[in-house]
Amino acid sequence: MIELRNINKTFKAARRNAGFKEALGALFKNNYTYIHALRDISFTINDGEMVGYIGPNGAGKSSTIKIMSGILYPDSGECIIDGLVPYKNRREHVRNIGVVFGQRSQLWWDVPVIDSFELLKDIYDVDERVYKNNLEELTELLDLKEIIRTPARQLSLGQRMRCEIAASFLHNPKILFLDEPTIGLDAVSKIAVRDFIKKMNQEKKTTVILTTHDMQDIEAITERILLIGRGQILLDGSLSELKVRNSRKKKITLKYDKGQFSLDEGISLVSQVDGHAVFEVDTSVISVQEAIELLSKSADIKDLSVTGASIDEIVVSLYEELKI
């Protein structure tokens, strides 16, 4: 179990204006500003949960992950993971976690990937039989057979990220921290990574904490969302609850020959180009059926589709609502 109680973290950053005079003055006296990255962060994550930790840039996501992985000390508050304090019991703690940072690598750049795996086996003191079983399974599931003997620097981004994820699973971690694990990946690689993470969660009950700006990753992998903004937890709920909360907005997409649309309250025109039009309908004001009947009276409709808001649109509207 992961439990954070009233975690606070502040960073001190130097500030100066551009120019030689300002640079010279900074040699003798610096002006500092204080950035409150985390403010009384509290939440609990149970074993086996898959949680999406989302928020805009600078919201405090990475600072939280670094505290939970033992890299950073908080200024105040408590972080307890499986009975251990990560930044005080680092050696014991890191045996139970896997970490994948999209912008950082745990593979040695100039040696074949398999050599990095062997070194990680020794670092984590993984039993030889367990290592071989895990390596065989990971190689098969992540399709690494053709690249495992290639130096990391010669791999494409998608190939390297698959290897990074495999490396994080070699020691059977109970908790996996993923920070932008699919950044820059093609569609095939993204689907492969998502499917693998879900499989590991189902089979080994691995707890997954995912931070990303890719809302398709959130939708495909996680069951619960923690939204952070300005260093504070602003929302804690399931993805389905978030969708229901925003389900009153529907989009009607039309293909028509000719006509001049007459709109009532609750219907707004989003776009209209060359016989195609998109309308947004507020179902708390007017039903979808009523909206379609009204639009059909105004034009000769050839095709029609009704969709709800995408997960990206839902999250953007949530950012706007919470003013972050």
Protein backbone atom coordinates (compact mmCIF):
# COMPACT_ATOMS: atom_id res chain seq x y z
CA MET A 1 0.00 0.00 0.00
CA ILE A 2 1.11 3.54 -0.81
CA GLU A 3 0.15 6.26 1.63
CA LEU A 4 1.04 9.95 1.43
CA ARG A 5 0.03 12.30 4.24
CA ASN A 6 0.35 16.08 3.95
CA ILE A 7 3.46 16.04 1.76
CA ASN A 8 5.00 19.46 1.10
CA LYS A 9 7.95 20.32 -1.13
CA THR A 10 9.41 23.74 -1.96
CA PHE A 11 12.27 24.51 -4.34
CA LYS A 12 14.55 27.57 -4.23
CA ALA A 13 15.35 28.97 -7.68
CA ALA A 14 17.67 31.82 -8.66
CA ARG A 15 16.19 34.58 -10.85
CA ARG A 16 17.79 37.43 -12.80
CA ASN A 17 17.12 39.53 -15.89
CA ALA A 18 19.06 39.22 -19.14
CA GLY A 19 22.21 41.25 -19.78
CA PHE A 20 25.87 41.48 -18.78
CA LYS A 21 25.22 43.90 -15.93
CA GLU A 22 22.66 41.58 -14.39
CA ALA A 23 25.00 38.59 -14.80
CA LEU A 24 27.84 40.51 -13.13
CA GLY A 25 25.59 41.54 -10.25
CA ALA A 26 24.52 37.91 -9.76
CA LEU A 27 28.14 37.01 -8.95
CA PHE A 28 27.80 38.97 -5.70
CA LYS A 29 24.12 38.71 -4.90
CA ASN A 30 21.44 36.38 -6.21
CA ASN A 31 17.72 36.98 -6.12
CA TYR A 32 15.73 33.89 -5.28
CA THR A 33 12.14 32.83 -5.63
CA TYR A 34 10.45 29.90 -3.90
CA ILE A 35 8.41 27.40 -5.90
CA HIS A 36 5.83 25.48 -3.89
CA ALA A 37 5.81 22.25 -5.90
CA LEU A 38 3.62 20.25 -3.49
CA ARG A 39 1.09 21.52 -0.95
CA ASP A 40 -0.35 19.04 1.58
CA ILE A 41 -0.53 16.15 -0.89
CA SER A 42 -2.45 13.22 0.61
CA PHE A 43 -3.73 10.03 -1.02
CA THR A 44 -3.75 6.25 -0.63
CA ILE A 45 -3.18 3.67 -3.37
CA ASN A 46 -4.02 0.04 -2.64
CA ASP A 47 -2.06 -2.98 -3.83
CA GLY A 48 -2.79 -3.86 -7.45
CA GLU A 49 -4.40 -0.54 -8.38
CA MET A 50 -3.66 1.17 -11.69
CA VAL A 51 -3.70 4.94 -11.18
CA GLY A 52 -3.32 7.79 -13.65
CA TYR A 53 -1.54 10.76 -12.06
CA ILE A 54 -2.30 13.67 -14.37
CA GLY A 55 -1.98 17.43 -14.50
CA PRO A 56 -0.44 20.23 -16.60
CA ASN A 57 3.30 20.89 -16.82
CA GLY A 58 4.69 22.13 -13.50
CA ALA A 59 1.76 20.74 -11.50
CA GLY A 60 3.97 18.61 -9.23
CA LYS A 61 3.65 15.14 -10.79
CA SER A 62 7.36 14.38 -11.16
CA SER A 63 8.15 15.74 -7.68
CA THR A 64 5.59 13.35 -6.20
CA ILE A 65 6.98 10.39 -8.16
CA LYS A 66 10.54 11.23 -7.05
CA ILE A 67 9.45 11.33 -3.40
CA MET A 68 7.64 7.98 -3.76
CA SER A 69 10.67 6.43 -5.46
CA GLY A 70 13.06 7.75 -2.77
CA ILE A 71 14.95 10.29 -4.90
CA LEU A 72 13.65 13.41 -3.11
CA TYR A 73 13.03 14.25 0.54
CA PRO A 74 9.80 16.14 1.29
CA ASP A 75 9.98 19.27 3.46
CA SER A 76 7.23 17.88 5.66
CA GLY A 77 4.65 15.13 5.72
CA GLU A 78 4.87 11.35 5.53
CA CYS A 79 5.27 8.89 2.66
CA ILE A 80 4.95 5.23 3.60
CA ILE A 81 5.09 2.45 1.00
CA ASP A 82 4.68 -1.14 2.19
CA GLY A 83 5.80 -0.08 5.65
CA LEU A 84 8.95 1.67 4.39
CA VAL A 85 9.83 5.35 4.08
CA PRO A 86 11.33 5.54 0.55
CA TYR A 87 13.90 8.28 1.18
CA LYS A 88 15.02 6.74 4.50
CA ASN A 89 14.96 3.05 3.53
CA ARG A 90 16.14 3.39 -0.05
CA ARG A 91 18.01 0.09 -0.35
CA GLU A 92 15.06 -2.00 0.84
CA HIS A 93 12.53 0.14 -1.01
CA VAL A 94 14.09 0.05 -4.48
CA ARG A 95 14.06 -3.76 -4.46
CA ASN A 96 10.27 -3.57 -4.66
CA ILE A 97 9.81 -0.88 -7.30
CA GLY A 98 10.39 -0.40 -11.01
CA VAL A 99 10.75 3.04 -12.56
CA VAL A 100 10.51 4.08 -16.21
CA PHE A 101 11.19 7.72 -17.12
CA GLY A 102 10.46 8.53 -20.76
CA GLN A 103 13.30 11.09 -20.82
CA ARG A 104 15.84 9.02 -18.85
CA SER A 105 17.47 5.66 -19.48
CA GLN A 106 18.59 2.85 -17.19
CA LEU A 107 20.31 1.06 -20.09
CA TRP A 108 24.04 1.46 -20.68
CA TRP A 109 24.34 3.37 -23.95
CA ASP A 110 27.26 1.62 -25.69
CA VAL A 111 26.69 -2.02 -24.73
CA PRO A 112 24.12 -4.55 -25.97
CA VAL A 113 20.82 -4.46 -24.10
CA ILE A 114 21.35 -7.99 -22.78
CA ASP A 115 24.50 -6.78 -20.96
CA SER A 116 22.46 -4.07 -19.24
CA PHE A 117 19.92 -6.71 -18.21
CA GLU A 118 22.67 -8.91 -16.78
CA LEU A 119 24.07 -6.00 -14.79
CA LEU A 120 20.62 -5.11 -13.44
CA LYS A 121 20.20 -8.75 -12.40
CA ASP A 122 23.35 -8.45 -10.28
CA ILE A 123 22.38 -5.02 -8.89
CA TYR A 124 19.00 -6.34 -7.72
CA ASP A 125 20.48 -9.73 -6.75
CA VAL A 126 17.86 -11.59 -8.79
CA ASP A 127 17.93 -15.38 -8.55
CA GLU A 128 19.32 -16.94 -11.76
CA ARG A 129 16.25 -19.11 -12.36
CA VAL A 130 13.86 -16.19 -11.76
CA TYR A 131 15.94 -13.98 -14.05
CA LYS A 132 15.93 -16.49 -16.91
CA ASN A 133 12.17 -17.05 -16.62
CA ASN A 134 11.47 -13.31 -16.54
CA LEU A 135 13.85 -12.60 -19.41
CA GLU A 136 12.24 -15.26 -21.59
CA GLU A 137 8.73 -13.99 -20.82
CA LEU A 138 9.61 -10.32 -21.32
CA THR A 139 11.46 -11.02 -24.57
CA GLU A 140 8.40 -12.79 -25.93
CA LEU A 141 5.76 -10.33 -24.72
CA LEU A 142 7.64 -7.19 -25.77
CA ASP A 143 9.11 -8.68 -28.97
CA LEU A 144 12.76 -8.09 -28.01
CA LYS A 145 14.37 -11.14 -29.61
CA GLU A 146 15.78 -9.27 -32.61
CA ILE A 147 17.10 -6.26 -30.67
CA ILE A 148 18.28 -7.59 -27.32
CA ARG A 149 21.88 -7.99 -28.55
CA THR A 150 22.03 -4.51 -30.08
CA PRO A 151 23.64 -1.54 -28.23
CA ALA A 152 21.03 0.83 -26.79
CA ARG A 153 22.37 3.78 -28.82
CA GLN A 154 21.51 1.97 -32.07
CA LEU A 155 17.86 1.34 -31.16
CA SER A 156 14.91 3.42 -32.26
CA LEU A 157 12.97 5.24 -29.54
CA GLY A 158 10.18 2.67 -29.62
CA GLN A 159 12.61 -0.24 -29.37
CA ARG A 160 14.50 1.39 -26.51
CA MET A 161 11.33 2.10 -24.54
CA ARG A 162 10.26 -1.54 -24.82
CA CYS A 163 13.68 -2.51 -23.46
CA GLU A 164 13.37 0.08 -20.65
CA ILE A 165 10.05 -1.42 -19.56
CA ALA A 166 11.50 -4.93 -19.69
CA ALA A 167 14.44 -3.78 -17.56
CA SER A 168 12.06 -2.41 -14.93
CA PHE A 169 10.32 -5.81 -14.62
CA LEU A 170 13.36 -8.09 -14.37
CA HIS A 171 13.28 -8.15 -10.56
CA ASN A 172 9.48 -8.65 -10.21
CA PRO A 173 8.66 -5.22 -8.70
CA LYS A 174 5.50 -4.86 -6.66
CA ILE A 175 5.10 -1.22 -7.74
CA LEU A 176 5.79 0.33 -11.14
CA PHE A 177 6.22 4.09 -11.63
CA LEU A 178 5.76 5.13 -15.26
CA ASP A 179 6.58 8.69 -16.29
CA GLU A 180 5.65 9.27 -19.97
CA PRO A 181 6.43 5.64 -20.95
CA THR A 182 4.99 5.94 -24.48
CA ILE A 183 6.40 9.35 -25.42
CA GLY A 184 7.36 9.40 -29.09
CA LEU A 185 6.21 5.83 -29.78
CA ASP A 186 4.36 4.79 -32.91
CA ALA A 187 0.83 3.38 -32.69
CA VAL A 188 1.95 -0.28 -32.81
CA SER A 189 4.52 0.19 -30.04
CA LYS A 190 2.03 2.09 -27.87
CA ILE A 191 -0.53 -0.68 -28.09
CA ALA A 192 2.12 -3.32 -27.31
CA VAL A 193 3.30 -1.41 -24.23
CA ARG A 194 -0.25 -0.80 -22.98
CA ASP A 195 -1.21 -4.46 -23.41
CA PHE A 196 1.94 -5.59 -21.61
CA ILE A 197 1.37 -3.32 -18.62
CA LYS A 198 -2.23 -4.51 -18.27
CA LYS A 199 -1.12 -8.14 -18.51
CA MET A 200 1.49 -7.69 -15.76
CA ASN A 201 -1.10 -6.04 -13.54
CA GLN A 202 -3.59 -8.87 -14.07
CA GLU A 203 -1.11 -11.72 -13.66
CA LYS A 204 1.25 -10.36 -11.00
CA LYS A 205 -0.99 -7.74 -9.33
CA THR A 206 1.64 -5.07 -9.97
CA THR A 207 0.60 -1.64 -8.69
CA VAL A 208 0.96 0.93 -11.51
CA ILE A 209 1.24 4.71 -11.16
CA LEU A 210 1.22 6.37 -14.58
CA THR A 211 1.99 10.03 -15.30
CA THR A 212 1.43 11.15 -18.88
CA HIS A 213 -0.09 13.81 -21.12
CA ASP A 214 -1.36 11.09 -23.48
CA MET A 215 -4.97 10.65 -22.44
CA GLN A 216 -5.28 7.51 -24.58
CA ASP A 217 -2.71 5.89 -22.26
CA ILE A 218 -4.80 6.92 -19.26
CA GLU A 219 -7.97 5.55 -20.81
CA ALA A 220 -6.34 2.28 -21.91
CA ILE A 221 -4.39 1.48 -18.73
CA THR A 222 -5.76 3.12 -15.59
CA GLU A 223 -8.90 2.67 -13.52
CA ARG A 224 -8.51 5.69 -11.24
CA ILE A 225 -7.38 9.27 -11.79
CA LEU A 226 -5.57 11.64 -9.45
CA LEU A 227 -5.56 15.19 -10.85
CA ILE A 228 -2.92 17.55 -9.48
CA GLY A 229 -2.72 21.28 -10.14
CA ARG A 230 -0.71 24.05 -8.48
CA GLY A 231 0.80 21.40 -6.20
CA GLN A 232 -2.58 20.25 -4.83
CA ILE A 233 -4.78 17.21 -5.42
CA LEU A 234 -7.89 18.60 -7.13
CA LEU A 235 -9.70 15.40 -8.08
CA ASP A 236 -9.62 11.75 -7.03
CA GLY A 237 -12.01 9.44 -8.83
CA SER A 238 -12.52 6.79 -11.48
CA LEU A 239 -12.34 7.44 -15.20
CA SER A 240 -15.95 6.31 -15.59
CA GLU A 241 -17.06 8.87 -12.99
CA LEU A 242 -15.20 11.57 -14.89
CA LYS A 243 -16.92 10.55 -18.12
CA VAL A 244 -20.37 10.56 -16.47
CA ARG A 245 -19.63 14.00 -15.05
CA ASN A 246 -19.09 15.26 -18.60
CA SER A 247 -21.64 13.05 -20.38
CA ARG A 248 -24.18 15.84 -20.88
CA LYS A 249 -22.16 17.22 -23.80
CA LYS A 250 -22.62 15.38 -27.12
CA LYS A 251 -21.34 16.05 -30.61
CA ILE A 252 -23.49 15.64 -33.71
CA THR A 253 -21.56 15.38 -36.98
CA LEU A 254 -23.56 15.87 -40.18
CA LYS A 255 -23.01 15.44 -43.89
CA TYR A 256 -25.61 17.39 -45.86
CA ASP A 257 -26.35 18.69 -49.34
CA LYS A 258 -27.84 22.10 -48.69
CA GLY A 259 -29.62 24.08 -46.03
CA GLN A 260 -29.39 26.88 -43.50
CA PHE A 261 -29.34 25.62 -39.93
CA SER A 262 -31.63 27.17 -37.33
CA LEU A 263 -30.33 26.58 -33.81
CA ASP A 264 -32.15 26.53 -30.49
CA GLU A 265 -30.77 26.97 -26.99
CA GLY A 266 -28.52 24.07 -26.06
CA ILE A 267 -27.12 23.61 -29.60
CA SER A 268 -23.99 25.37 -30.81
CA LEU A 269 -22.17 25.17 -34.13
CA VAL A 270 -18.56 23.97 -33.76
CA SER A 271 -17.51 23.89 -37.41
CA GLN A 272 -19.04 24.00 -40.91
CA VAL A 273 -17.05 23.30 -44.09
CA ASP A 274 -18.09 22.03 -47.54
CA GLY A 275 -21.24 20.18 -46.61
CA HIS A 276 -19.94 18.93 -43.25
CA ALA A 277 -21.01 20.42 -39.93
CA VAL A 278 -20.32 19.62 -36.28
CA PHE A 279 -22.67 20.71 -33.48
CA GLU A 280 -22.31 20.49 -29.71
CA VAL A 281 -25.46 19.59 -27.79
CA ASP A 282 -26.03 20.24 -24.10
CA THR A 283 -28.36 17.37 -23.16
CA SER A 284 -29.36 19.12 -19.94
CA VAL A 285 -31.12 21.70 -22.16
CA ILE A 286 -32.21 19.70 -25.19
CA SER A 287 -32.19 15.95 -25.92
CA VAL A 288 -30.13 14.48 -28.75
CA GLN A 289 -33.32 13.31 -30.46
CA GLU A 290 -34.83 16.78 -30.34
CA ALA A 291 -31.60 18.29 -31.66
CA ILE A 292 -31.52 15.86 -34.59
CA GLU A 293 -35.17 16.58 -35.42
CA LEU A 294 -34.47 20.32 -35.39
CA LEU A 295 -31.37 20.00 -37.61
CA SER A 296 -33.14 17.70 -40.07
CA LYS A 297 -35.77 20.38 -40.65
CA SER A 298 -33.07 22.86 -41.64
CA ALA A 299 -31.08 20.79 -44.15
CA ASP A 300 -31.08 17.71 -46.36
CA ILE A 301 -29.00 15.35 -44.19
CA LYS A 302 -27.11 12.52 -45.92
CA ASP A 303 -25.17 11.07 -42.96
CA LEU A 304 -25.12 11.59 -39.20
CA SER A 305 -23.17 10.43 -36.15
CA VAL A 306 -23.43 11.17 -32.43
CA THR A 307 -20.41 10.96 -30.11
CA GLY A 308 -19.54 11.95 -26.56
CA ALA A 309 -16.57 14.07 -25.56
CA SER A 310 -13.17 12.44 -26.01
CA ILE A 311 -11.01 11.85 -22.96
CA ASP A 312 -8.73 14.69 -24.10
CA GLU A 313 -11.68 17.09 -24.29
CA ILE A 314 -12.94 15.96 -20.89
CA VAL A 315 -9.56 16.61 -19.25
CA VAL A 316 -9.17 20.01 -20.94
CA SER A 317 -12.64 21.04 -19.75
CA LEU A 318 -11.70 19.86 -16.27
CA TYR A 319 -8.53 22.00 -16.34
CA GLU A 320 -10.66 24.98 -17.37
CA GLU A 321 -13.26 24.29 -14.69
CA LEU A 322 -10.62 24.03 -11.95
CA LYS A 323 -8.64 26.97 -13.40
CA ILE A 324 -5.27 25.22 -13.61
